[in-house]
Amino acid sequence: MSDCADAILRRLSTSDIPAAVGLSEQAGWNQTREDWRMMIDLAPEGCLAIEIDGELAATTTLLCYGRRLAWIGMVLTKLSYRGLGFARRLLMQALSQADQMKIETVKLDATDQGRPLYEKMGFRCEQAVERWSRPGFGDASSCRLTADMPPSEHWRVADDRAFGADRSELLEKLVRRSQPSLFSAGSYLLTRPGRQTQYLGPSVCDVPGTARALVERALHTAGARDWSWDLLPANTSAVAIAQDLAFTPTRYLQRMVRGKDLRGTEETIYAIAGFELG
C-alpha cells in the first residue's frame, strides 16, 4: 500500500462511477450506478475523492439545497485504506466548501462508527433515523402501475415546507427515475431501484391515510423484490404504517447538524430521500 503522502484529493468524475459503486458495495450499501451519476450531476463541485496510484480510495459528497442547507453523504473509504485519515480530510474539504458558500446548516445521517468523527467536527445530534426493511411477496408482473403525473405543483410546496429547504432539482431527477411516482393533491411518494432492494422514498403526505394508501400502491409494483424504507421514528404514524405492512427496523442512524438548527414540518415526512440526500 502506498504512503498517505501519495494521496491526491480531487473531484469525483463520471469515470469513477464503477470504482465508487465498488466502495458502496464493499460497505453493503444500496446505491446503484445511477445514484452515483445523479449525485455527480447535482453536485459536481461537492463530490470529492481521494486517489492513490490511480485507485479510488475514499469519497465524500456535499449536496447543497440553496444557501440554507447542505447534506454530507457517501463517506466511504476502501477497506485497505482505512485508518489513514482520509474521511477526515474529505470532510474538512467539504465543510470548507460549505463555509465558503456561507451555507447556514449542514446535516448528515451518521452511523455509530462515524458519529465520533462528526462530533469532533462540530456536528451535534438532532434526531434518530431508521431503515425498515421488508421481503418481497408474490409476483408483481400482473399488477404493474404506470407513474402518475403530478396534478399540480402543490406537492413541491409541501416538500419545501416539510424538508425545510428547496430540493426541487433533486426531486425532478428522482421523479424521472421513480417506479412509480405516486401523487395525491399535496402528497407524494417516489420509489427507485437499488442495488439490493427497491427503495421507498422520499414521501411527504398530509395525513396518515394518504401515506398508507400511497405505500400500499407502491408495494404492488415490485412484489417479488425486497424493500428498504428510511424514516424518522419521531413520525409515529410512519412507524405504525411500516409495522402494519410487515416492515421491520434493520439499521439505526443519528441525524446530525452543524450550524443553525433547521427543522421543517417533519410530521408530514413519511420517508426520507436517502441517508446521503436527506
C-alpha atoms as a PDB file:
ATOM      1  CA  MET A   1       0.000   0.000   0.000  1.00  0.00           C
ATOM      2  CA  SER A   2       1.278   3.465  -0.896  1.00  0.00           C
ATOM      3  CA  ASP A   3       2.188   6.039   1.695  1.00  0.00           C
ATOM      4  CA  CYS A   4      -0.511   8.505   2.708  1.00  0.00           C
ATOM      5  CA  ALA A   5       1.605  11.284   1.186  1.00  0.00           C
ATOM      6  CA  ASP A   6       0.746   9.884  -2.253  1.00  0.00           C
ATOM      7  CA  ALA A   7      -2.948  10.605  -1.731  1.00  0.00           C
ATOM      8  CA  ILE A   8      -4.484  13.078  -4.202  1.00  0.00           C
ATOM      9  CA  LEU A   9      -7.654  14.940  -3.224  1.00  0.00           C
ATOM     10  CA  ARG A  10      -9.747  15.743  -6.288  1.00  0.00           C
ATOM     11  CA  ARG A  11     -13.279  15.881  -7.606  1.00  0.00           C
ATOM     12  CA  LEU A  12     -15.150  12.687  -8.323  1.00  0.00           C
ATOM     13  CA  SER A  13     -15.912  12.228 -12.026  1.00  0.00           C
ATOM     14  CA  THR A  14     -18.260  10.021 -14.014  1.00  0.00           C
ATOM     15  CA  SER A  15     -15.276   7.828 -14.934  1.00  0.00           C
ATOM     16  CA  ASP A  16     -15.010   6.999 -11.206  1.00  0.00           C
ATOM     17  CA  ILE A  17     -18.533   5.579 -11.014  1.00  0.00           C
ATOM     18  CA  PRO A  18     -17.577   1.874 -11.357  1.00  0.00           C
ATOM     19  CA  ALA A  19     -14.982   2.223  -8.588  1.00  0.00           C
ATOM     20  CA  ALA A  20     -17.395   4.272  -6.449  1.00  0.00           C
ATOM     21  CA  VAL A  21     -20.028   1.548  -6.792  1.00  0.00           C
ATOM     22  CA  GLY A  22     -17.353  -0.875  -5.627  1.00  0.00           C
ATOM     23  CA  LEU A  23     -16.836   1.187  -2.467  1.00  0.00           C
ATOM     24  CA  SER A  24     -20.560   1.279  -1.661  1.00  0.00           C
ATOM     25  CA  GLU A  25     -20.866  -2.442  -2.394  1.00  0.00           C
ATOM     26  CA  GLN A  26     -17.961  -3.138  -0.040  1.00  0.00           C
ATOM     27  CA  ALA A  27     -19.850  -1.236   2.671  1.00  0.00           C
ATOM     28  CA  GLY A  28     -23.049  -3.197   1.954  1.00  0.00           C
ATOM     29  CA  TRP A  29     -24.912  -0.091   0.804  1.00  0.00           C
ATOM     30  CA  ASN A  30     -27.790   0.044  -1.673  1.00  0.00           C
ATOM     31  CA  GLN A  31     -26.640   2.699  -4.161  1.00  0.00           C
ATOM     32  CA  THR A  32     -26.552   1.971  -7.888  1.00  0.00           C
ATOM     33  CA  ARG A  33     -24.544   3.461 -10.742  1.00  0.00           C
ATOM     34  CA  GLU A  34     -27.500   5.749 -11.414  1.00  0.00           C
ATOM     35  CA  ASP A  35     -27.432   7.010  -7.807  1.00  0.00           C
ATOM     36  CA  TRP A  36     -23.746   7.925  -8.117  1.00  0.00           C
ATOM     37  CA  ARG A  37     -24.299   9.561 -11.504  1.00  0.00           C
ATOM     38  CA  MET A  38     -27.211  11.594 -10.129  1.00  0.00           C
ATOM     39  CA  MET A  39     -25.075  12.829  -7.251  1.00  0.00           C
ATOM     40  CA  ILE A  40     -22.281  13.931  -9.595  1.00  0.00           C
ATOM     41  CA  ASP A  41     -24.831  15.667 -11.863  1.00  0.00           C
ATOM     42  CA  LEU A  42     -26.367  17.508  -8.911  1.00  0.00           C
ATOM     43  CA  ALA A  43     -23.137  18.467  -7.143  1.00  0.00           C
ATOM     44  CA  PRO A  44     -20.096  18.270  -9.429  1.00  0.00           C
ATOM     45  CA  GLU A  45     -18.124  20.592  -7.151  1.00  0.00           C
ATOM     46  CA  GLY A  46     -19.141  18.768  -3.995  1.00  0.00           C
ATOM     47  CA  CYS A  47     -18.365  15.170  -4.988  1.00  0.00           C
ATOM     48  CA  LEU A  48     -14.876  14.603  -3.624  1.00  0.00           C
ATOM     49  CA  ALA A  49     -12.424  11.735  -3.914  1.00  0.00           C
ATOM     50  CA  ILE A  50      -9.007  10.628  -2.729  1.00  0.00           C
ATOM     51  CA  GLU A  51      -6.940   8.747  -5.262  1.00  0.00           C
ATOM     52  CA  ILE A  52      -3.789   6.718  -4.629  1.00  0.00           C
ATOM     53  CA  ASP A  53      -1.740   5.389  -7.549  1.00  0.00           C
ATOM     54  CA  GLY A  54      -4.755   5.707  -9.837  1.00  0.00           C
ATOM     55  CA  GLU A  55      -7.066   3.869  -7.401  1.00  0.00           C
ATOM     56  CA  LEU A  56     -10.164   5.394  -5.825  1.00  0.00           C
ATOM     57  CA  ALA A  57      -9.509   5.161  -2.084  1.00  0.00           C
ATOM     58  CA  ALA A  58     -12.247   7.300  -0.482  1.00  0.00           C
ATOM     59  CA  THR A  59     -15.246   9.519  -1.249  1.00  0.00           C
ATOM     60  CA  THR A  60     -17.444  12.163   0.346  1.00  0.00           C
ATOM     61  CA  THR A  61     -20.273  14.214  -1.168  1.00  0.00           C
ATOM     62  CA  LEU A  62     -21.673  17.646  -0.350  1.00  0.00           C
ATOM     63  CA  LEU A  63     -25.114  18.342  -1.846  1.00  0.00           C
ATOM     64  CA  CYS A  64     -26.348  21.919  -1.412  1.00  0.00           C
ATOM     65  CA  TYR A  65     -30.008  22.901  -1.239  1.00  0.00           C
ATOM     66  CA  GLY A  66     -29.570  26.613  -1.852  1.00  0.00           C
ATOM     67  CA  ARG A  67     -27.737  28.506   0.877  1.00  0.00           C
ATOM     68  CA  ARG A  68     -29.965  27.277   3.687  1.00  0.00           C
ATOM     69  CA  LEU A  69     -28.866  23.654   3.826  1.00  0.00           C
ATOM     70  CA  ALA A  70     -26.191  21.257   2.603  1.00  0.00           C
ATOM     71  CA  TRP A  71     -26.053  17.492   3.046  1.00  0.00           C
ATOM     72  CA  ILE A  72     -22.976  15.330   3.617  1.00  0.00           C
ATOM     73  CA  GLY A  73     -23.102  11.798   2.270  1.00  0.00           C
ATOM     74  CA  MET A  74     -21.241   8.862   0.734  1.00  0.00           C
ATOM     75  CA  VAL A  75     -18.443   8.971   3.334  1.00  0.00           C
ATOM     76  CA  LEU A  76     -16.662   5.818   2.193  1.00  0.00           C
ATOM     77  CA  THR A  77     -13.103   4.509   2.442  1.00  0.00           C
ATOM     78  CA  LYS A  78     -11.812   1.333   0.846  1.00  0.00           C
ATOM     79  CA  LEU A  79     -11.022  -1.283   3.475  1.00  0.00           C
ATOM     80  CA  SER A  80      -7.322  -1.367   2.640  1.00  0.00           C
ATOM     81  CA  TYR A  81      -7.019   2.401   3.201  1.00  0.00           C
ATOM     82  CA  ARG A  82      -8.980   2.805   6.421  1.00  0.00           C
ATOM     83  CA  GLY A  83      -7.302   4.356   9.426  1.00  0.00           C
ATOM     84  CA  LEU A  84      -5.251   6.831   7.360  1.00  0.00           C
ATOM     85  CA  GLY A  85      -7.482   9.864   8.000  1.00  0.00           C
ATOM     86  CA  PHE A  86      -8.983  10.073   4.511  1.00  0.00           C
ATOM     87  CA  ALA A  87     -12.556  10.511   5.753  1.00  0.00           C
ATOM     88  CA  ARG A  88     -11.466  13.394   7.990  1.00  0.00           C
ATOM     89  CA  ARG A  89      -9.559  15.033   5.134  1.00  0.00           C
ATOM     90  CA  LEU A  90     -12.518  14.814   2.761  1.00  0.00           C
ATOM     91  CA  LEU A  91     -14.959  16.035   5.396  1.00  0.00           C
ATOM     92  CA  MET A  92     -12.765  19.023   6.176  1.00  0.00           C
ATOM     93  CA  GLN A  93     -12.682  19.898   2.472  1.00  0.00           C
ATOM     94  CA  ALA A  94     -16.466  19.523   2.144  1.00  0.00           C
ATOM     95  CA  LEU A  95     -17.119  21.666   5.213  1.00  0.00           C
ATOM     96  CA  SER A  96     -14.647  24.272   3.971  1.00  0.00           C
ATOM     97  CA  GLN A  97     -16.635  24.459   0.730  1.00  0.00           C
ATOM     98  CA  ALA A  98     -19.865  24.839   2.688  1.00  0.00           C
ATOM     99  CA  ASP A  99     -18.357  27.628   4.786  1.00  0.00           C
ATOM    100  CA  GLN A 100     -17.045  29.435   1.705  1.00  0.00           C
ATOM    101  CA  MET A 101     -20.555  29.270   0.221  1.00  0.00           C
ATOM    102  CA  LYS A 102     -21.979  30.587   3.515  1.00  0.00           C
ATOM    103  CA  ILE A 103     -24.259  27.586   3.922  1.00  0.00           C
ATOM    104  CA  GLU A 104     -26.267  28.144   7.106  1.00  0.00           C
ATOM    105  CA  THR A 105     -26.839  24.494   8.075  1.00  0.00           C
ATOM    106  CA  VAL A 106     -25.052  21.242   7.236  1.00  0.00           C
ATOM    107  CA  LYS A 107     -26.641  17.883   8.060  1.00  0.00           C
ATOM    108  CA  LEU A 108     -25.805  14.209   7.708  1.00  0.00           C
ATOM    109  CA  ASP A 109     -27.103  10.821   8.807  1.00  0.00           C
ATOM    110  CA  ALA A 110     -24.401   9.154  10.884  1.00  0.00           C
ATOM    111  CA  THR A 111     -23.659   5.555  11.716  1.00  0.00           C
ATOM    112  CA  ASP A 112     -22.388   4.760  15.198  1.00  0.00           C
ATOM    113  CA  GLN A 113     -18.947   4.256  13.671  1.00  0.00           C
ATOM    114  CA  GLY A 114     -18.857   7.717  12.104  1.00  0.00           C
ATOM    115  CA  ARG A 115     -20.520   9.683  14.882  1.00  0.00           C
ATOM    116  CA  PRO A 116     -17.381  10.379  16.986  1.00  0.00           C
ATOM    117  CA  LEU A 117     -15.613  11.914  13.979  1.00  0.00           C
ATOM    118  CA  TYR A 118     -18.603  14.107  13.163  1.00  0.00           C
ATOM    119  CA  GLU A 119     -18.864  15.298  16.753  1.00  0.00           C
ATOM    120  CA  LYS A 120     -15.205  16.363  16.649  1.00  0.00           C
ATOM    121  CA  MET A 121     -16.008  18.399  13.544  1.00  0.00           C
ATOM    122  CA  GLY A 122     -18.787  20.368  15.197  1.00  0.00           C
ATOM    123  CA  PHE A 123     -21.861  18.265  14.491  1.00  0.00           C
ATOM    124  CA  ARG A 124     -24.488  17.659  17.177  1.00  0.00           C
ATOM    125  CA  CYS A 125     -27.325  15.144  17.337  1.00  0.00           C
ATOM    126  CA  GLU A 126     -30.735  16.185  16.025  1.00  0.00           C
ATOM    127  CA  GLN A 127     -32.890  13.058  15.862  1.00  0.00           C
ATOM    128  CA  ALA A 128     -32.914   9.353  15.071  1.00  0.00           C
ATOM    129  CA  VAL A 129     -33.236   7.929  11.568  1.00  0.00           C
ATOM    130  CA  GLU A 130     -34.071   4.282  10.904  1.00  0.00           C
ATOM    131  CA  ARG A 131     -34.092   1.891   7.977  1.00  0.00           C
ATOM    132  CA  TRP A 132     -37.031  -0.501   7.861  1.00  0.00           C
ATOM    133  CA  SER A 133     -36.996  -3.494   5.513  1.00  0.00           C
ATOM    134  CA  ARG A 134     -39.473  -5.958   4.101  1.00  0.00           C
ATOM    135  CA  PRO A 135     -39.076  -9.042   1.899  1.00  0.00           C
ATOM    136  CA  GLY A 136     -40.903  -9.104  -1.402  1.00  0.00           C
ATOM    137  CA  PHE A 137     -44.077 -11.120  -1.775  1.00  0.00           C
ATOM    138  CA  GLY A 138     -45.664 -12.657  -4.827  1.00  0.00           C
ATOM    139  CA  ASP A 139     -45.326 -11.755  -8.485  1.00  0.00           C
ATOM    140  CA  ALA A 140     -45.715  -8.110  -9.438  1.00  0.00           C
ATOM    141  CA  SER A 141     -45.802  -8.732 -13.193  1.00  0.00           C
ATOM    142  CA  SER A 142     -49.602  -8.674 -13.377  1.00  0.00           C
ATOM    143  CA  CYS A 143     -50.067  -5.541 -11.280  1.00  0.00           C
ATOM    144  CA  ARG A 144     -47.551  -3.030 -12.643  1.00  0.00           C
ATOM    145  CA  LEU A 145     -48.643   0.554 -12.202  1.00  0.00           C
ATOM    146  CA  THR A 146     -47.732   3.385 -14.522  1.00  0.00           C
ATOM    147  CA  ALA A 147     -46.375   6.571 -12.992  1.00  0.00           C
ATOM    148  CA  ASP A 148     -48.962   9.152 -12.057  1.00  0.00           C
ATOM    149  CA  MET A 149     -48.401  12.651 -13.341  1.00  0.00           C
ATOM    150  CA  PRO A 150     -48.228  15.407 -10.710  1.00  0.00           C
ATOM    151  CA  PRO A 151     -51.683  17.051 -10.594  1.00  0.00           C
ATOM    152  CA  SER A 152     -50.169  20.401  -9.618  1.00  0.00           C
ATOM    153  CA  GLU A 153     -47.140  21.981  -8.001  1.00  0.00           C
ATOM    154  CA  HIS A 154     -48.700  21.653  -4.522  1.00  0.00           C
ATOM    155  CA  TRP A 155     -46.577  18.598  -3.745  1.00  0.00           C
ATOM    156  CA  ARG A 156     -43.376  20.577  -4.313  1.00  0.00           C
ATOM    157  CA  VAL A 157     -44.586  23.312  -1.973  1.00  0.00           C
ATOM    158  CA  ALA A 158     -45.462  20.668   0.615  1.00  0.00           C
ATOM    159  CA  ASP A 159     -41.987  19.139   0.277  1.00  0.00           C
ATOM    160  CA  ASP A 160     -40.279  22.513   0.745  1.00  0.00           C
ATOM    161  CA  ARG A 161     -42.287  23.105   3.902  1.00  0.00           C
ATOM    162  CA  ALA A 162     -41.669  19.596   5.243  1.00  0.00           C
ATOM    163  CA  PHE A 163     -37.949  19.416   4.456  1.00  0.00           C
ATOM    164  CA  GLY A 164     -37.117  22.994   5.377  1.00  0.00           C
ATOM    165  CA  ALA A 165     -35.302  23.820   2.123  1.00  0.00           C
ATOM    166  CA  ASP A 166     -35.884  23.785  -1.632  1.00  0.00           C
ATOM    167  CA  ARG A 167     -34.723  20.488  -3.150  1.00  0.00           C
ATOM    168  CA  SER A 168     -36.723  20.733  -6.375  1.00  0.00           C
ATOM    169  CA  GLU A 169     -33.735  19.880  -8.599  1.00  0.00           C
ATOM    170  CA  LEU A 170     -33.255  16.600  -6.733  1.00  0.00           C
ATOM    171  CA  LEU A 171     -36.970  15.833  -6.864  1.00  0.00           C
ATOM    172  CA  GLU A 172     -37.074  16.380 -10.632  1.00  0.00           C
ATOM    173  CA  LYS A 173     -34.357  13.777 -11.113  1.00  0.00           C
ATOM    174  CA  LEU A 174     -35.998  11.340  -8.702  1.00  0.00           C
ATOM    175  CA  VAL A 175     -39.380  11.669 -10.406  1.00  0.00           C
ATOM    176  CA  ARG A 176     -37.785  10.674 -13.714  1.00  0.00           C
ATOM    177  CA  ARG A 177     -36.289   7.579 -12.073  1.00  0.00           C
ATOM    178  CA  SER A 178     -39.246   6.687  -9.872  1.00  0.00           C
ATOM    179  CA  GLN A 179     -41.027   3.365 -10.457  1.00  0.00           C
ATOM    180  CA  PRO A 180     -43.698   4.573  -9.985  1.00  0.00           C
ATOM    181  CA  SER A 181     -44.246   8.196  -8.934  1.00  0.00           C
ATOM    182  CA  LEU A 182     -47.445   8.493  -6.908  1.00  0.00           C
ATOM    183  CA  PHE A 183     -49.265  11.740  -6.197  1.00  0.00           C
ATOM    184  CA  SER A 184     -52.405  12.758  -4.340  1.00  0.00           C
ATOM    185  CA  ALA A 185     -53.038  16.522  -4.223  1.00  0.00           C
ATOM    186  CA  GLY A 186     -50.254  17.880  -1.980  1.00  0.00           C
ATOM    187  CA  SER A 187     -48.919  14.420  -1.082  1.00  0.00           C
ATOM    188  CA  TYR A 188     -46.456  12.231  -2.968  1.00  0.00           C
ATOM    189  CA  LEU A 189     -44.356   9.064  -2.811  1.00  0.00           C
ATOM    190  CA  LEU A 190     -41.402   8.223  -5.051  1.00  0.00           C
ATOM    191  CA  THR A 191     -39.591   4.893  -5.354  1.00  0.00           C
ATOM    192  CA  ARG A 192     -36.470   3.771  -7.185  1.00  0.00           C
ATOM    193  CA  PRO A 193     -34.438   0.622  -7.748  1.00  0.00           C
ATOM    194  CA  GLY A 194     -31.461  -0.037  -5.505  1.00  0.00           C
ATOM    195  CA  ARG A 195     -28.571  -2.456  -5.847  1.00  0.00           C
ATOM    196  CA  GLN A 196     -30.031  -4.812  -3.248  1.00  0.00           C
ATOM    197  CA  THR A 197     -33.614  -3.648  -2.667  1.00  0.00           C
ATOM    198  CA  GLN A 198     -36.317  -1.421  -4.080  1.00  0.00           C
ATOM    199  CA  TYR A 199     -36.137   1.931  -2.255  1.00  0.00           C
ATOM    200  CA  LEU A 200     -39.265   3.614  -0.901  1.00  0.00           C
ATOM    201  CA  GLY A 201     -38.918   7.386  -0.586  1.00  0.00           C
ATOM    202  CA  PRO A 202     -38.955  10.271  -0.413  1.00  0.00           C
ATOM    203  CA  SER A 203     -42.547  10.803   0.659  1.00  0.00           C
ATOM    204  CA  VAL A 204     -44.428  13.758   2.115  1.00  0.00           C
ATOM    205  CA  CYS A 205     -48.112  13.328   2.947  1.00  0.00           C
ATOM    206  CA  ASP A 206     -50.768  15.484   4.539  1.00  0.00           C
ATOM    207  CA  VAL A 207     -52.433  12.715   6.573  1.00  0.00           C
ATOM    208  CA  PRO A 208     -51.563   9.122   7.580  1.00  0.00           C
ATOM    209  CA  GLY A 209     -54.379   7.661   5.484  1.00  0.00           C
ATOM    210  CA  THR A 210     -52.968   9.126   2.304  1.00  0.00           C
ATOM    211  CA  ALA A 211     -49.468   7.949   3.224  1.00  0.00           C
ATOM    212  CA  ARG A 212     -50.643   4.392   3.763  1.00  0.00           C
ATOM    213  CA  ALA A 213     -52.598   4.333   0.502  1.00  0.00           C
ATOM    214  CA  LEU A 214     -49.547   5.502  -1.480  1.00  0.00           C
ATOM    215  CA  VAL A 215     -47.227   2.987   0.211  1.00  0.00           C
ATOM    216  CA  GLU A 216     -49.654   0.130  -0.457  1.00  0.00           C
ATOM    217  CA  ARG A 217     -49.844   1.104  -4.138  1.00  0.00           C
ATOM    218  CA  ALA A 218     -46.062   1.276  -4.388  1.00  0.00           C
ATOM    219  CA  LEU A 219     -45.602  -2.174  -2.845  1.00  0.00           C
ATOM    220  CA  HIS A 220     -47.652  -3.723  -5.650  1.00  0.00           C
ATOM    221  CA  THR A 221     -45.144  -2.554  -8.288  1.00  0.00           C
ATOM    222  CA  ALA A 222     -42.312  -4.825  -7.179  1.00  0.00           C
ATOM    223  CA  GLY A 223     -43.901  -7.588  -5.193  1.00  0.00           C
ATOM    224  CA  ALA A 224     -41.031 -10.031  -5.710  1.00  0.00           C
ATOM    225  CA  ARG A 225     -38.335  -7.534  -4.691  1.00  0.00           C
ATOM    226  CA  ASP A 226     -37.243  -6.724  -1.160  1.00  0.00           C
ATOM    227  CA  TRP A 227     -37.898  -3.174   0.060  1.00  0.00           C
ATOM    228  CA  SER A 228     -35.994  -0.573   2.082  1.00  0.00           C
ATOM    229  CA  TRP A 229     -37.750   2.375   3.749  1.00  0.00           C
ATOM    230  CA  ASP A 230     -35.798   5.052   5.638  1.00  0.00           C
ATOM    231  CA  LEU A 231     -37.966   7.012   8.045  1.00  0.00           C
ATOM    232  CA  LEU A 232     -37.875   9.363  11.017  1.00  0.00           C
ATOM    233  CA  PRO A 233     -39.152   7.376  14.018  1.00  0.00           C
ATOM    234  CA  ALA A 234     -40.402  10.620  15.562  1.00  0.00           C
ATOM    235  CA  ASN A 235     -43.182  10.317  12.963  1.00  0.00           C
ATOM    236  CA  THR A 236     -45.100   7.655  14.851  1.00  0.00           C
ATOM    237  CA  SER A 237     -47.679   7.396  12.056  1.00  0.00           C
ATOM    238  CA  ALA A 238     -44.947   6.329   9.618  1.00  0.00           C
ATOM    239  CA  VAL A 239     -43.718   3.748  12.122  1.00  0.00           C
ATOM    240  CA  ALA A 240     -47.255   2.386  12.591  1.00  0.00           C
ATOM    241  CA  ILE A 241     -47.762   2.045   8.827  1.00  0.00           C
ATOM    242  CA  ALA A 242     -44.398   0.311   8.425  1.00  0.00           C
ATOM    243  CA  GLN A 243     -45.270  -2.159  11.179  1.00  0.00           C
ATOM    244  CA  ASP A 244     -48.717  -2.851   9.718  1.00  0.00           C
ATOM    245  CA  LEU A 245     -47.201  -3.550   6.301  1.00  0.00           C
ATOM    246  CA  ALA A 246     -44.667  -6.095   7.649  1.00  0.00           C
ATOM    247  CA  PHE A 247     -41.592  -3.854   7.657  1.00  0.00           C
ATOM    248  CA  THR A 248     -39.094  -4.278  10.494  1.00  0.00           C
ATOM    249  CA  PRO A 249     -36.235  -1.971  11.597  1.00  0.00           C
ATOM    250  CA  THR A 250     -32.802  -3.101  10.399  1.00  0.00           C
ATOM    251  CA  ARG A 251     -30.492  -0.063  10.739  1.00  0.00           C
ATOM    252  CA  TYR A 252     -30.264   2.772  13.240  1.00  0.00           C
ATOM    253  CA  LEU A 253     -28.579   6.098  12.443  1.00  0.00           C
ATOM    254  CA  GLN A 254     -28.428   9.525  14.034  1.00  0.00           C
ATOM    255  CA  ARG A 255     -29.219  12.704  12.107  1.00  0.00           C
ATOM    256  CA  MET A 256     -26.634  15.329  12.992  1.00  0.00           C
ATOM    257  CA  VAL A 257     -26.447  19.061  12.325  1.00  0.00           C
ATOM    258  CA  ARG A 258     -23.728  21.708  12.168  1.00  0.00           C
ATOM    259  CA  GLY A 259     -24.586  25.409  12.165  1.00  0.00           C
ATOM    260  CA  LYS A 260     -28.109  26.762  12.573  1.00  0.00           C
ATOM    261  CA  ASP A 261     -30.939  24.492  13.653  1.00  0.00           C
ATOM    262  CA  LEU A 262     -33.269  23.896  10.707  1.00  0.00           C
ATOM    263  CA  ARG A 263     -36.441  21.860  11.044  1.00  0.00           C
ATOM    264  CA  GLY A 264     -39.396  21.583   8.709  1.00  0.00           C
ATOM    265  CA  THR A 265     -42.823  20.078   9.257  1.00  0.00           C
ATOM    266  CA  GLU A 266     -41.319  16.663   9.860  1.00  0.00           C
ATOM    267  CA  GLU A 267     -44.591  15.110  10.984  1.00  0.00           C
ATOM    268  CA  THR A 268     -45.502  15.076   7.261  1.00  0.00           C
ATOM    269  CA  ILE A 269     -42.290  13.298   6.176  1.00  0.00           C
ATOM    270  CA  TYR A 270     -43.148   9.618   5.768  1.00  0.00           C
ATOM    271  CA  ALA A 271     -39.920   8.613   4.026  1.00  0.00           C
ATOM    272  CA  ILE A 272     -36.616  10.399   3.536  1.00  0.00           C
ATOM    273  CA  ALA A 273     -34.854  10.543   0.145  1.00  0.00           C
ATOM    274  CA  GLY A 274     -31.842   8.595   1.396  1.00  0.00           C
ATOM    275  CA  PHE A 275     -29.134   8.798   4.037  1.00  0.00           C
ATOM    276  CA  GLU A 276     -26.929  10.629   1.529  1.00  0.00           C
ATOM    277  CA  LEU A 277     -29.700  13.006   0.377  1.00  0.00           C
ATOM    278  CA  GLY A 278     -31.788  13.907   3.423  1.00  0.00           C
END
